[in-house]
Structures are given as C-alpha cells and as structure tokens.
Amino acid sequence: MLVTLFYEYFMTGLLAVGGGLATLPFLAQMSARHPDWFTLSDLADMFAVSESTPGPIGVNMATFVGYRTGGFLGAATATLALVLPCFIITLIAGKMVEKWKQSKSLQNVFYGLRPAVAGLIAAAGWTVIYAAIFRSAPWPLSGLAGAVNLPALILFAAILTLAMLKPLKKIHPVAYILLAGIAGIALKL
C-alpha cells in the first residue's frame, strides 16, 4: 500500500505543474482509482480544510490522505512523494534557468506553460465546484443537469461576488472561509 501511495503522489508531484491547485485534477482521478482512499466528496472537504489551514494545499491533502490510508507512515510517504519531484526539478531547473535565462526558447516554454497551468487550475476549480454544488445536492432542480444544492450554490455565488468586488478584494481569504463556515453551520441548523 505504501508503494502505491508513494507512486501515486510522486506522479502527481511530478506532473502537476502550477502548484497545489494543479494537483486537484490528479487527485480527482486518484479518487476514481482508489475510492477506498477518498471520494470526490472527500476531495471537496479536503480542499476546504486545506484552504483554511496553513501550508500548501497539495501537501496538506497528501498528508491527510496518507494519514487516512496508512497512519503516520502513510502521511510521511505521501507528503515526501508529492514534494520530492519538485525538489529535484527545482535543483535542476535553477541551474538551467540561471544559465539560459535570456534564451528565447526558454521564454517561449514559459509562454506556453502559463495558459496550460491556468487551464489545469480551472479544471480543478470545476471539479471542486461540481462536488460542492452538484454532487452534494439534497434535491434535484428541474431544467438543470443533475441535482443542485441550492444553499451551496447561493453561498458560492455570494462569496464569489463579495471576493470580486473591488473594495472587498483586500479582505483576507480567511475571512471569507470563516464566513462560509458560519453560514454552513447556520444553514444546517
């Protein structure tokens, strides 16, 4: 089990270019391959907890899944496996970028990577939105594909709107997370 855990998170760390949010599509696929580790609903919960705790999202999620599947040793294995590729690549890339920082080819590579990473993050965002709003729905709304969790949709729209308003952009994300947690408690009472 630890070998599989190491392999899955090493490959995620190796291929998830763009940081913690870029790991979400890989984690969504991992949940399909290993539903005994976590489900898409668990992924949405892990994302919410990871966003509200200190540290990188991907590392927090790897540590959680590793602990859940293999205790302390599983947590250490998954966390190490996720960060090891980054550590190795950073050592190699640091030397190369310093040597070739004026290279037009390297600048073109970064030009291509930026939209690809943005697309991966958008896909990850959709995975979380789908799990939070559609997969957790208590009742179906006619005219929409599947079921919609109306309170979750309203809360999502409210937080998105507040976070996009120019005067409120300076508010720390933790305030929105706390607000959403309080709203979740109130909605469930």
C-alpha atoms as a PDB file:
ATOM      1  CA  MET A   1       0.000   0.000   0.000  1.00  0.00           C
ATOM      2  CA  LEU A   2       2.817   2.448   0.840  1.00  0.00           C
ATOM      3  CA  VAL A   3       4.481   1.768  -2.514  1.00  0.00           C
ATOM      4  CA  THR A   4       1.219   2.569  -4.329  1.00  0.00           C
ATOM      5  CA  LEU A   5       0.726   5.664  -2.191  1.00  0.00           C
ATOM      6  CA  PHE A   6       4.286   6.811  -2.952  1.00  0.00           C
ATOM      7  CA  TYR A   7       3.850   6.155  -6.690  1.00  0.00           C
ATOM      8  CA  GLU A   8       0.518   7.982  -6.945  1.00  0.00           C
ATOM      9  CA  TYR A   9       1.744  11.080  -5.114  1.00  0.00           C
ATOM     10  CA  PHE A  10       5.162  11.087  -6.770  1.00  0.00           C
ATOM     11  CA  MET A  11       3.497  11.097 -10.200  1.00  0.00           C
ATOM     12  CA  THR A  12       1.103  13.821  -9.045  1.00  0.00           C
ATOM     13  CA  GLY A  13       4.013  15.903  -7.780  1.00  0.00           C
ATOM     14  CA  LEU A  14       5.929  15.291 -10.996  1.00  0.00           C
ATOM     15  CA  LEU A  15       3.105  16.141 -13.403  1.00  0.00           C
ATOM     16  CA  ALA A  16       1.028  18.762 -11.540  1.00  0.00           C
ATOM     17  CA  VAL A  17       2.739  21.859 -12.903  1.00  0.00           C
ATOM     18  CA  GLY A  18       1.386  25.010 -11.272  1.00  0.00           C
ATOM     19  CA  GLY A  19       1.270  24.355  -7.568  1.00  0.00           C
ATOM     20  CA  GLY A  20      -1.277  22.946  -5.164  1.00  0.00           C
ATOM     21  CA  LEU A  21      -4.383  23.780  -7.165  1.00  0.00           C
ATOM     22  CA  ALA A  22      -2.933  21.981 -10.177  1.00  0.00           C
ATOM     23  CA  THR A  23      -2.948  18.745  -8.142  1.00  0.00           C
ATOM     24  CA  LEU A  24      -6.763  18.725  -7.994  1.00  0.00           C
ATOM     25  CA  PRO A  25      -7.384  17.070 -11.401  1.00  0.00           C
ATOM     26  CA  PHE A  26      -4.845  14.386 -10.492  1.00  0.00           C
ATOM     27  CA  LEU A  27      -6.496  13.876  -7.110  1.00  0.00           C
ATOM     28  CA  ALA A  28      -9.906  13.612  -8.762  1.00  0.00           C
ATOM     29  CA  GLN A  29      -8.559  10.837 -10.997  1.00  0.00           C
ATOM     30  CA  MET A  30      -6.850   9.235  -7.997  1.00  0.00           C
ATOM     31  CA  SER A  31     -10.181   9.109  -6.158  1.00  0.00           C
ATOM     32  CA  ALA A  32     -11.608   7.099  -9.056  1.00  0.00           C
ATOM     33  CA  ARG A  33      -8.673   4.657  -8.975  1.00  0.00           C
ATOM     34  CA  HIS A  34      -8.630   4.386  -5.177  1.00  0.00           C
ATOM     35  CA  PRO A  35     -12.143   5.053  -3.839  1.00  0.00           C
ATOM     36  CA  ASP A  36     -11.130   3.369  -0.589  1.00  0.00           C
ATOM     37  CA  TRP A  37      -8.666   6.254  -0.054  1.00  0.00           C
ATOM     38  CA  PHE A  38     -11.109   9.118  -0.712  1.00  0.00           C
ATOM     39  CA  THR A  39     -14.136  10.068  -2.830  1.00  0.00           C
ATOM     40  CA  LEU A  40     -14.868  13.234  -4.825  1.00  0.00           C
ATOM     41  CA  SER A  41     -16.967  14.420  -1.904  1.00  0.00           C
ATOM     42  CA  ASP A  42     -13.995  13.795   0.398  1.00  0.00           C
ATOM     43  CA  LEU A  43     -11.843  15.747  -2.069  1.00  0.00           C
ATOM     44  CA  ALA A  44     -14.124  18.775  -1.790  1.00  0.00           C
ATOM     45  CA  ASP A  45     -13.965  18.532   2.011  1.00  0.00           C
ATOM     46  CA  MET A  46     -10.169  18.108   1.960  1.00  0.00           C
ATOM     47  CA  PHE A  47      -9.872  21.117  -0.325  1.00  0.00           C
ATOM     48  CA  ALA A  48     -11.955  23.225   2.049  1.00  0.00           C
ATOM     49  CA  VAL A  49      -9.879  22.167   5.049  1.00  0.00           C
ATOM     50  CA  SER A  50      -6.599  22.615   3.131  1.00  0.00           C
ATOM     51  CA  GLU A  51      -7.622  26.110   2.082  1.00  0.00           C
ATOM     52  CA  SER A  52      -8.347  27.037   5.670  1.00  0.00           C
ATOM     53  CA  THR A  53      -5.147  25.647   7.203  1.00  0.00           C
ATOM     54  CA  PRO A  54      -1.571  26.882   6.888  1.00  0.00           C
ATOM     55  CA  GLY A  55       0.610  25.299   4.238  1.00  0.00           C
ATOM     56  CA  PRO A  56       0.351  24.353   0.588  1.00  0.00           C
ATOM     57  CA  ILE A  57      -2.930  22.777  -0.493  1.00  0.00           C
ATOM     58  CA  GLY A  58      -1.373  19.799  -2.255  1.00  0.00           C
ATOM     59  CA  VAL A  59       0.887  18.968   0.679  1.00  0.00           C
ATOM     60  CA  ASN A  60      -1.967  19.245   3.182  1.00  0.00           C
ATOM     61  CA  MET A  61      -4.115  16.970   1.045  1.00  0.00           C
ATOM     62  CA  ALA A  62      -1.294  14.436   0.545  1.00  0.00           C
ATOM     63  CA  THR A  63      -0.646  14.366   4.274  1.00  0.00           C
ATOM     64  CA  PHE A  64      -4.347  13.873   5.026  1.00  0.00           C
ATOM     65  CA  VAL A  65      -4.872  11.060   2.506  1.00  0.00           C
ATOM     66  CA  GLY A  66      -1.613   9.407   3.521  1.00  0.00           C
ATOM     67  CA  TYR A  67      -2.591   9.519   7.198  1.00  0.00           C
ATOM     68  CA  ARG A  68      -6.053   8.236   6.421  1.00  0.00           C
ATOM     69  CA  THR A  69      -4.723   5.290   4.442  1.00  0.00           C
ATOM     70  CA  GLY A  70      -1.533   4.427   6.314  1.00  0.00           C
ATOM     71  CA  GLY A  71      -1.304   6.361   9.555  1.00  0.00           C
ATOM     72  CA  PHE A  72       1.804   8.412  10.334  1.00  0.00           C
ATOM     73  CA  LEU A  73       3.973   6.403   7.917  1.00  0.00           C
ATOM     74  CA  GLY A  74       1.393   6.875   5.154  1.00  0.00           C
ATOM     75  CA  ALA A  75       1.275  10.630   5.812  1.00  0.00           C
ATOM     76  CA  ALA A  76       5.069  10.890   5.637  1.00  0.00           C
ATOM     77  CA  THR A  77       5.195   8.730   2.499  1.00  0.00           C
ATOM     78  CA  ALA A  78       2.535  10.674   0.570  1.00  0.00           C
ATOM     79  CA  THR A  79       3.941  14.055   1.605  1.00  0.00           C
ATOM     80  CA  LEU A  80       7.518  13.129   0.697  1.00  0.00           C
ATOM     81  CA  ALA A  81       6.387  11.611  -2.599  1.00  0.00           C
ATOM     82  CA  LEU A  82       4.493  14.781  -3.547  1.00  0.00           C
ATOM     83  CA  VAL A  83       7.319  17.225  -2.808  1.00  0.00           C
ATOM     84  CA  LEU A  84      10.287  15.112  -3.955  1.00  0.00           C
ATOM     85  CA  PRO A  85       9.803  15.730  -7.706  1.00  0.00           C
ATOM     86  CA  CYS A  86       9.535  19.478  -7.095  1.00  0.00           C
ATOM     87  CA  PHE A  87      12.707  19.444  -5.049  1.00  0.00           C
ATOM     88  CA  ILE A  88      14.629  17.534  -7.742  1.00  0.00           C
ATOM     89  CA  ILE A  89      13.242  19.613 -10.622  1.00  0.00           C
ATOM     90  CA  THR A  90      13.904  22.878  -8.779  1.00  0.00           C
ATOM     91  CA  LEU A  91      17.547  21.933  -8.273  1.00  0.00           C
ATOM     92  CA  ILE A  92      17.954  21.071 -11.949  1.00  0.00           C
ATOM     93  CA  ALA A  93      15.823  23.930 -13.301  1.00  0.00           C
ATOM     94  CA  GLY A  94      17.511  26.503 -11.086  1.00  0.00           C
ATOM     95  CA  LYS A  95      20.833  25.727 -12.702  1.00  0.00           C
ATOM     96  CA  MET A  96      19.345  25.713 -16.218  1.00  0.00           C
ATOM     97  CA  VAL A  97      17.299  28.897 -15.855  1.00  0.00           C
ATOM     98  CA  GLU A  98      20.258  30.793 -14.466  1.00  0.00           C
ATOM     99  CA  LYS A  99      22.375  29.616 -17.394  1.00  0.00           C
ATOM    100  CA  TRP A 100      19.729  30.201 -20.086  1.00  0.00           C
ATOM    101  CA  LYS A 101      17.550  32.981 -18.612  1.00  0.00           C
ATOM    102  CA  GLN A 102      17.965  35.137 -21.746  1.00  0.00           C
ATOM    103  CA  SER A 103      17.082  32.246 -24.076  1.00  0.00           C
ATOM    104  CA  LYS A 104      14.144  32.963 -26.369  1.00  0.00           C
ATOM    105  CA  SER A 105      13.299  29.240 -26.381  1.00  0.00           C
ATOM    106  CA  LEU A 106      13.014  29.156 -22.593  1.00  0.00           C
ATOM    107  CA  GLN A 107      10.818  32.269 -22.640  1.00  0.00           C
ATOM    108  CA  ASN A 108       8.607  30.525 -25.246  1.00  0.00           C
ATOM    109  CA  VAL A 109       8.320  27.477 -23.000  1.00  0.00           C
ATOM    110  CA  PHE A 110       7.098  29.670 -20.130  1.00  0.00           C
ATOM    111  CA  TYR A 111       4.718  31.441 -22.537  1.00  0.00           C
ATOM    112  CA  GLY A 112       3.140  28.057 -23.324  1.00  0.00           C
ATOM    113  CA  LEU A 113       3.112  26.839 -19.721  1.00  0.00           C
ATOM    114  CA  ARG A 114       1.150  29.785 -18.300  1.00  0.00           C
ATOM    115  CA  PRO A 115      -2.142  29.128 -20.134  1.00  0.00           C
ATOM    116  CA  ALA A 116      -1.764  25.375 -19.680  1.00  0.00           C
ATOM    117  CA  VAL A 117      -1.428  25.822 -15.911  1.00  0.00           C
ATOM    118  CA  ALA A 118      -4.395  28.216 -15.897  1.00  0.00           C
ATOM    119  CA  GLY A 119      -6.441  25.569 -17.729  1.00  0.00           C
ATOM    120  CA  LEU A 120      -5.443  22.894 -15.214  1.00  0.00           C
ATOM    121  CA  ILE A 121      -6.394  25.155 -12.326  1.00  0.00           C
ATOM    122  CA  ALA A 122      -9.741  25.969 -13.980  1.00  0.00           C
ATOM    123  CA  ALA A 123     -10.406  22.240 -14.454  1.00  0.00           C
ATOM    124  CA  ALA A 124      -9.535  21.676 -10.802  1.00  0.00           C
ATOM    125  CA  GLY A 125     -11.851  24.506  -9.788  1.00  0.00           C
ATOM    126  CA  TRP A 126     -14.678  22.955 -11.782  1.00  0.00           C
ATOM    127  CA  THR A 127     -14.066  19.604 -10.056  1.00  0.00           C
ATOM    128  CA  VAL A 128     -14.449  21.237  -6.641  1.00  0.00           C
ATOM    129  CA  ILE A 129     -17.478  23.314  -7.725  1.00  0.00           C
ATOM    130  CA  TYR A 130     -19.150  20.223  -9.157  1.00  0.00           C
ATOM    131  CA  ALA A 131     -18.546  18.220  -5.977  1.00  0.00           C
ATOM    132  CA  ALA A 132     -19.714  21.054  -3.695  1.00  0.00           C
ATOM    133  CA  ILE A 133     -22.764  22.231  -5.617  1.00  0.00           C
ATOM    134  CA  PHE A 134     -23.994  19.356  -7.767  1.00  0.00           C
ATOM    135  CA  ARG A 135     -22.850  16.106  -6.144  1.00  0.00           C
ATOM    136  CA  SER A 136     -23.958  17.129  -2.655  1.00  0.00           C
ATOM    137  CA  ALA A 137     -27.450  18.194  -3.678  1.00  0.00           C
ATOM    138  CA  PRO A 138     -30.307  17.255  -1.349  1.00  0.00           C
ATOM    139  CA  TRP A 139     -32.903  17.726  -4.077  1.00  0.00           C
ATOM    140  CA  PRO A 140     -32.972  17.989  -7.889  1.00  0.00           C
ATOM    141  CA  LEU A 141     -33.947  21.209  -9.631  1.00  0.00           C
ATOM    142  CA  SER A 142     -35.740  20.647 -12.907  1.00  0.00           C
ATOM    143  CA  GLY A 143     -34.121  22.030 -16.022  1.00  0.00           C
ATOM    144  CA  LEU A 144     -30.569  21.532 -14.742  1.00  0.00           C
ATOM    145  CA  ALA A 145     -28.366  18.552 -15.433  1.00  0.00           C
ATOM    146  CA  GLY A 146     -28.337  16.505 -12.253  1.00  0.00           C
ATOM    147  CA  ALA A 147     -29.127  17.865  -8.857  1.00  0.00           C
ATOM    148  CA  VAL A 148     -28.211  21.266  -7.456  1.00  0.00           C
ATOM    149  CA  ASN A 149     -27.547  22.013  -3.811  1.00  0.00           C
ATOM    150  CA  LEU A 150     -29.324  25.387  -3.774  1.00  0.00           C
ATOM    151  CA  PRO A 151     -27.913  26.637  -0.427  1.00  0.00           C
ATOM    152  CA  ALA A 152     -24.386  25.727  -1.572  1.00  0.00           C
ATOM    153  CA  LEU A 153     -24.963  27.472  -4.914  1.00  0.00           C
ATOM    154  CA  ILE A 154     -26.218  30.636  -3.173  1.00  0.00           C
ATOM    155  CA  LEU A 155     -23.271  30.603  -0.754  1.00  0.00           C
ATOM    156  CA  PHE A 156     -20.841  30.068  -3.657  1.00  0.00           C
ATOM    157  CA  ALA A 157     -22.365  32.967  -5.610  1.00  0.00           C
ATOM    158  CA  ALA A 158     -22.328  35.250  -2.564  1.00  0.00           C
ATOM    159  CA  ILE A 159     -18.681  34.557  -1.686  1.00  0.00           C
ATOM    160  CA  LEU A 160     -17.632  34.847  -5.338  1.00  0.00           C
ATOM    161  CA  THR A 161     -19.443  38.173  -5.679  1.00  0.00           C
ATOM    162  CA  LEU A 162     -18.008  39.554  -2.441  1.00  0.00           C
ATOM    163  CA  ALA A 163     -14.476  38.456  -3.336  1.00  0.00           C
ATOM    164  CA  MET A 164     -14.738  40.078  -6.787  1.00  0.00           C
ATOM    165  CA  LEU A 165     -15.954  43.471  -5.546  1.00  0.00           C
ATOM    166  CA  LYS A 166     -13.079  45.928  -5.701  1.00  0.00           C
ATOM    167  CA  PRO A 167     -13.468  47.406  -2.192  1.00  0.00           C
ATOM    168  CA  LEU A 168     -13.624  43.899  -0.680  1.00  0.00           C
ATOM    169  CA  LYS A 169     -10.660  42.408  -2.559  1.00  0.00           C
ATOM    170  CA  LYS A 170      -8.347  43.492   0.247  1.00  0.00           C
ATOM    171  CA  ILE A 171     -10.170  41.295   2.762  1.00  0.00           C
ATOM    172  CA  HIS A 172      -8.075  38.271   3.654  1.00  0.00           C
ATOM    173  CA  PRO A 173      -9.365  34.936   2.243  1.00  0.00           C
ATOM    174  CA  VAL A 174      -9.539  33.519   5.785  1.00  0.00           C
ATOM    175  CA  ALA A 175     -12.378  35.981   6.489  1.00  0.00           C
ATOM    176  CA  TYR A 176     -14.364  34.511   3.581  1.00  0.00           C
ATOM    177  CA  ILE A 177     -13.589  30.977   4.749  1.00  0.00           C
ATOM    178  CA  LEU A 178     -14.798  31.811   8.267  1.00  0.00           C
ATOM    179  CA  LEU A 179     -17.904  33.496   6.854  1.00  0.00           C
ATOM    180  CA  ALA A 180     -18.658  30.417   4.745  1.00  0.00           C
ATOM    181  CA  GLY A 181     -18.121  28.123   7.753  1.00  0.00           C
ATOM    182  CA  ILE A 182     -20.527  30.166   9.854  1.00  0.00           C
ATOM    183  CA  ALA A 183     -23.051  30.181   7.016  1.00  0.00           C
ATOM    184  CA  GLY A 184     -22.673  26.399   6.703  1.00  0.00           C
ATOM    185  CA  ILE A 185     -23.427  25.965  10.403  1.00  0.00           C
ATOM    186  CA  ALA A 186     -26.422  28.295  10.153  1.00  0.00           C
ATOM    187  CA  LEU A 187     -27.779  26.530   7.059  1.00  0.00           C
ATOM    188  CA  LYS A 188     -27.531  23.109   8.673  1.00  0.00           C
ATOM    189  CA  LEU A 189     -29.324  24.205  11.883  1.00  0.00           C
END
